[in-house]
Amino acid sequence: MVLKFKYHPDVKLSDLPKIDAKNKGMIKRAIEDRLATQPETYGKPLRKTLRGYWKLRVGDYRIVFKVSGNTIFIFGIIHRKEVYKLIKKRR
């Protein structure tokens, strides 16, 4: 099954410019290798107010996503210290 990715507008506008080149490469590989193949296997489900969303840990960054059919919606690629307070505003 081929999965499609859709990104929240804030990912490209505010998340990616804050990330250095080394971490961007790691995140890109994680999305291509892990999320594109088996998102539920590599990701971990979130709880409480973020129920239904998943996270993928890549170094100090978290990729928050939701799977719907053959589409993966990526809501944020944010540093671990800020991810949960910022991601609530993007849903």
N, C-alpha and C. Protein backbone atom coordinates (compact mmCIF):
# COMPACT_ATOMS: atom_id res chain seq x y z
N MET A 1 0.85 -1.18 0.00
CA MET A 1 0.00 0.00 0.00
C MET A 1 0.89 1.25 0.00
N VAL A 2 0.59 2.17 -0.88
CA VAL A 2 1.35 3.41 -0.99
C VAL A 2 0.68 4.47 -0.12
N LEU A 3 1.46 5.06 0.77
CA LEU A 3 0.94 6.09 1.66
C LEU A 3 1.28 7.47 1.14
N LYS A 4 0.33 8.41 1.30
CA LYS A 4 0.55 9.79 0.91
C LYS A 4 0.75 10.61 2.18
N PHE A 5 1.54 11.66 2.07
CA PHE A 5 1.78 12.55 3.20
C PHE A 5 1.15 13.91 2.94
N LYS A 6 0.50 14.44 3.96
CA LYS A 6 -0.01 15.81 3.93
C LYS A 6 0.53 16.50 5.18
N TYR A 7 1.03 17.72 4.98
CA TYR A 7 1.65 18.46 6.07
C TYR A 7 0.79 19.64 6.49
N HIS A 8 0.73 19.87 7.78
CA HIS A 8 0.10 21.07 8.31
C HIS A 8 0.92 22.27 7.82
N PRO A 9 0.28 23.40 7.47
CA PRO A 9 1.05 24.55 6.95
C PRO A 9 2.15 25.04 7.89
N ASP A 10 1.97 24.92 9.19
CA ASP A 10 2.98 25.39 10.14
C ASP A 10 4.25 24.54 10.12
N VAL A 11 4.17 23.31 9.62
CA VAL A 11 5.37 22.47 9.56
C VAL A 11 6.41 23.12 8.67
N LYS A 12 5.99 23.55 7.49
CA LYS A 12 6.95 24.14 6.55
C LYS A 12 7.28 25.58 6.89
N LEU A 13 6.34 26.30 7.52
CA LEU A 13 6.57 27.70 7.81
C LEU A 13 7.36 27.95 9.09
N SER A 14 7.08 27.16 10.13
CA SER A 14 7.74 27.46 11.40
C SER A 14 8.58 26.32 11.98
N ASP A 15 8.24 25.08 11.69
CA ASP A 15 8.99 23.96 12.29
C ASP A 15 10.32 23.70 11.59
N LEU A 16 10.29 23.50 10.29
CA LEU A 16 11.50 23.11 9.56
C LEU A 16 12.60 24.17 9.56
N PRO A 17 12.29 25.47 9.48
CA PRO A 17 13.38 26.45 9.53
C PRO A 17 14.17 26.45 10.83
N LYS A 18 13.60 25.96 11.91
CA LYS A 18 14.27 25.94 13.21
C LYS A 18 15.23 24.76 13.38
N ILE A 19 15.15 23.78 12.48
CA ILE A 19 15.91 22.54 12.62
C ILE A 19 17.19 22.62 11.80
N ASP A 20 18.32 22.20 12.41
CA ASP A 20 19.60 22.23 11.70
C ASP A 20 19.66 21.12 10.64
N ALA A 21 20.64 21.20 9.76
CA ALA A 21 20.74 20.30 8.61
C ALA A 21 20.90 18.84 9.02
N LYS A 22 21.68 18.58 10.05
CA LYS A 22 21.91 17.19 10.49
C LYS A 22 20.60 16.55 10.94
N ASN A 23 19.84 17.26 11.76
CA ASN A 23 18.57 16.72 12.24
C ASN A 23 17.53 16.63 11.13
N LYS A 24 17.56 17.56 10.18
CA LYS A 24 16.63 17.49 9.05
C LYS A 24 16.86 16.20 8.26
N GLY A 25 18.11 15.83 8.08
CA GLY A 25 18.43 14.59 7.37
C GLY A 25 17.92 13.37 8.11
N MET A 26 18.10 13.35 9.42
CA MET A 26 17.59 12.23 10.23
C MET A 26 16.07 12.15 10.16
N ILE A 27 15.41 13.30 10.22
CA ILE A 27 13.94 13.34 10.17
C ILE A 27 13.44 12.88 8.80
N LYS A 28 14.10 13.32 7.75
CA LYS A 28 13.71 12.92 6.39
C LYS A 28 13.82 11.41 6.22
N ARG A 29 14.93 10.84 6.70
CA ARG A 29 15.12 9.38 6.60
C ARG A 29 14.07 8.64 7.42
N ALA A 30 13.74 9.16 8.59
CA ALA A 30 12.73 8.50 9.44
C ALA A 30 11.37 8.51 8.77
N ILE A 31 11.03 9.62 8.14
CA ILE A 31 9.73 9.69 7.45
C ILE A 31 9.71 8.72 6.27
N GLU A 32 10.78 8.71 5.48
CA GLU A 32 10.83 7.83 4.31
C GLU A 32 10.92 6.36 4.68
N ASP A 33 11.71 6.02 5.69
CA ASP A 33 11.94 4.61 6.03
C ASP A 33 10.89 4.04 6.98
N ARG A 34 10.49 4.81 7.97
CA ARG A 34 9.58 4.28 8.99
C ARG A 34 8.12 4.62 8.72
N LEU A 35 7.83 5.90 8.58
CA LEU A 35 6.43 6.30 8.41
C LEU A 35 5.85 5.82 7.09
N ALA A 36 6.64 5.85 6.04
CA ALA A 36 6.14 5.45 4.73
C ALA A 36 5.87 3.95 4.64
N THR A 37 6.48 3.17 5.52
CA THR A 37 6.29 1.72 5.45
C THR A 37 5.27 1.23 6.47
N GLN A 38 5.49 1.49 7.75
CA GLN A 38 4.61 0.99 8.80
C GLN A 38 4.49 2.01 9.93
N PRO A 39 3.62 3.00 9.78
CA PRO A 39 3.54 4.06 10.81
C PRO A 39 3.09 3.56 12.18
N GLU A 40 2.17 2.60 12.23
CA GLU A 40 1.71 2.11 13.53
C GLU A 40 2.74 1.26 14.24
N THR A 41 3.64 0.65 13.50
CA THR A 41 4.68 -0.17 14.11
C THR A 41 5.76 0.69 14.75
N TYR A 42 6.18 1.74 14.07
CA TYR A 42 7.26 2.58 14.57
C TYR A 42 6.78 3.71 15.47
N GLY A 43 5.56 4.18 15.25
CA GLY A 43 5.03 5.27 16.06
C GLY A 43 4.46 4.78 17.37
N LYS A 44 4.19 5.72 18.26
CA LYS A 44 3.61 5.39 19.55
C LYS A 44 2.34 6.24 19.71
N PRO A 45 1.21 5.63 20.09
CA PRO A 45 -0.02 6.41 20.21
C PRO A 45 0.04 7.39 21.38
N LEU A 46 -0.53 8.56 21.17
CA LEU A 46 -0.60 9.56 22.23
C LEU A 46 -1.87 9.35 23.04
N ARG A 47 -1.89 9.90 24.25
CA ARG A 47 -3.00 9.66 25.16
C ARG A 47 -3.68 10.96 25.56
N LYS A 48 -4.71 10.83 26.37
CA LYS A 48 -5.48 11.92 26.96
C LYS A 48 -6.03 12.85 25.88
N THR A 49 -5.66 14.13 25.90
CA THR A 49 -6.26 15.09 24.97
C THR A 49 -5.79 14.90 23.53
N LEU A 50 -4.72 14.16 23.33
CA LEU A 50 -4.20 13.91 21.98
C LEU A 50 -4.49 12.49 21.51
N ARG A 51 -5.52 11.88 22.05
CA ARG A 51 -5.90 10.52 21.65
C ARG A 51 -6.26 10.51 20.17
N GLY A 52 -5.78 9.52 19.46
CA GLY A 52 -6.00 9.42 18.02
C GLY A 52 -4.79 9.88 17.21
N TYR A 53 -3.87 10.55 17.87
CA TYR A 53 -2.64 11.03 17.23
C TYR A 53 -1.50 10.09 17.62
N TRP A 54 -0.48 10.10 16.80
CA TRP A 54 0.69 9.26 17.03
C TRP A 54 1.94 10.14 17.05
N LYS A 55 3.00 9.62 17.65
CA LYS A 55 4.29 10.32 17.61
C LYS A 55 5.37 9.36 17.17
N LEU A 56 6.36 9.93 16.49
CA LEU A 56 7.56 9.20 16.12
C LEU A 56 8.73 9.99 16.67
N ARG A 57 9.53 9.34 17.46
CA ARG A 57 10.69 9.99 18.08
C ARG A 57 11.89 9.90 17.15
N VAL A 58 12.49 11.07 16.88
CA VAL A 58 13.70 11.13 16.05
C VAL A 58 14.67 12.04 16.78
N GLY A 59 15.59 11.46 17.52
CA GLY A 59 16.53 12.24 18.32
C GLY A 59 15.76 13.06 19.35
N ASP A 60 15.99 14.37 19.38
CA ASP A 60 15.29 15.25 20.32
C ASP A 60 14.01 15.81 19.72
N TYR A 61 13.63 15.37 18.55
CA TYR A 61 12.43 15.87 17.88
C TYR A 61 11.34 14.82 17.86
N ARG A 62 10.10 15.31 17.80
CA ARG A 62 8.94 14.43 17.73
C ARG A 62 8.14 14.79 16.49
N ILE A 63 7.76 13.78 15.73
CA ILE A 63 6.88 13.96 14.58
C ILE A 63 5.50 13.51 15.04
N VAL A 64 4.55 14.44 15.08
CA VAL A 64 3.19 14.12 15.50
C VAL A 64 2.35 13.97 14.25
N PHE A 65 1.66 12.81 14.14
CA PHE A 65 0.92 12.52 12.93
C PHE A 65 -0.37 11.78 13.24
N LYS A 66 -1.23 11.70 12.22
CA LYS A 66 -2.48 10.97 12.31
C LYS A 66 -2.64 10.18 11.02
N VAL A 67 -3.04 8.93 11.14
CA VAL A 67 -3.22 8.07 9.98
C VAL A 67 -4.70 7.99 9.65
N SER A 68 -5.03 8.25 8.39
CA SER A 68 -6.41 8.16 7.94
C SER A 68 -6.41 7.47 6.58
N GLY A 69 -6.79 6.21 6.56
CA GLY A 69 -6.75 5.45 5.31
C GLY A 69 -5.33 5.29 4.82
N ASN A 70 -5.06 5.76 3.60
CA ASN A 70 -3.71 5.68 3.06
C ASN A 70 -3.01 7.04 3.08
N THR A 71 -3.50 7.96 3.93
CA THR A 71 -2.90 9.28 4.07
C THR A 71 -2.39 9.49 5.49
N ILE A 72 -1.19 10.04 5.59
CA ILE A 72 -0.62 10.38 6.88
C ILE A 72 -0.56 11.90 6.96
N PHE A 73 -1.27 12.47 7.93
CA PHE A 73 -1.26 13.91 8.16
C PHE A 73 -0.21 14.21 9.22
N ILE A 74 0.80 14.99 8.86
CA ILE A 74 1.85 15.36 9.79
C ILE A 74 1.52 16.75 10.34
N PHE A 75 1.28 16.81 11.65
CA PHE A 75 0.86 18.05 12.29
C PHE A 75 2.02 18.85 12.85
N GLY A 76 3.14 18.22 13.11
CA GLY A 76 4.26 18.96 13.65
C GLY A 76 5.53 18.15 13.71
N ILE A 77 6.66 18.84 13.54
CA ILE A 77 7.99 18.28 13.75
C ILE A 77 8.66 19.27 14.69
N ILE A 78 8.58 18.98 15.99
CA ILE A 78 8.90 19.97 17.00
C ILE A 78 9.84 19.35 18.04
N HIS A 79 10.70 20.17 18.63
CA HIS A 79 11.60 19.72 19.69
C HIS A 79 10.79 19.16 20.86
N ARG A 80 11.33 18.18 21.52
CA ARG A 80 10.60 17.46 22.56
C ARG A 80 10.14 18.33 23.72
N LYS A 81 10.84 19.44 23.99
CA LYS A 81 10.46 20.30 25.11
C LYS A 81 9.21 21.12 24.82
N GLU A 82 8.92 21.37 23.55
CA GLU A 82 7.81 22.24 23.19
C GLU A 82 6.66 21.53 22.50
N VAL A 83 6.85 20.29 22.09
CA VAL A 83 5.92 19.65 21.18
C VAL A 83 4.48 19.58 21.70
N TYR A 84 4.28 19.21 22.94
CA TYR A 84 2.91 18.93 23.39
C TYR A 84 2.11 20.19 23.66
N LYS A 85 2.77 21.28 24.05
CA LYS A 85 2.01 22.51 24.24
C LYS A 85 1.73 23.20 22.90
N LEU A 86 2.58 23.03 21.91
CA LEU A 86 2.36 23.64 20.60
C LEU A 86 1.41 22.84 19.72
N ILE A 87 1.43 21.53 19.85
CA ILE A 87 0.65 20.70 18.94
C ILE A 87 -0.85 20.79 19.22
N LYS A 88 -1.23 21.10 20.44
CA LYS A 88 -2.66 21.24 20.78
C LYS A 88 -3.32 22.36 19.98
N LYS A 89 -2.56 23.36 19.58
CA LYS A 89 -3.10 24.50 18.83
C LYS A 89 -3.30 24.17 17.36
N ARG A 90 -2.72 23.10 16.87
CA ARG A 90 -2.75 22.78 15.44
C ARG A 90 -3.84 21.80 15.04
N ARG A 91 -4.53 21.23 15.95
CA ARG A 91 -5.51 20.20 15.62
C ARG A 91 -6.69 20.75 14.95
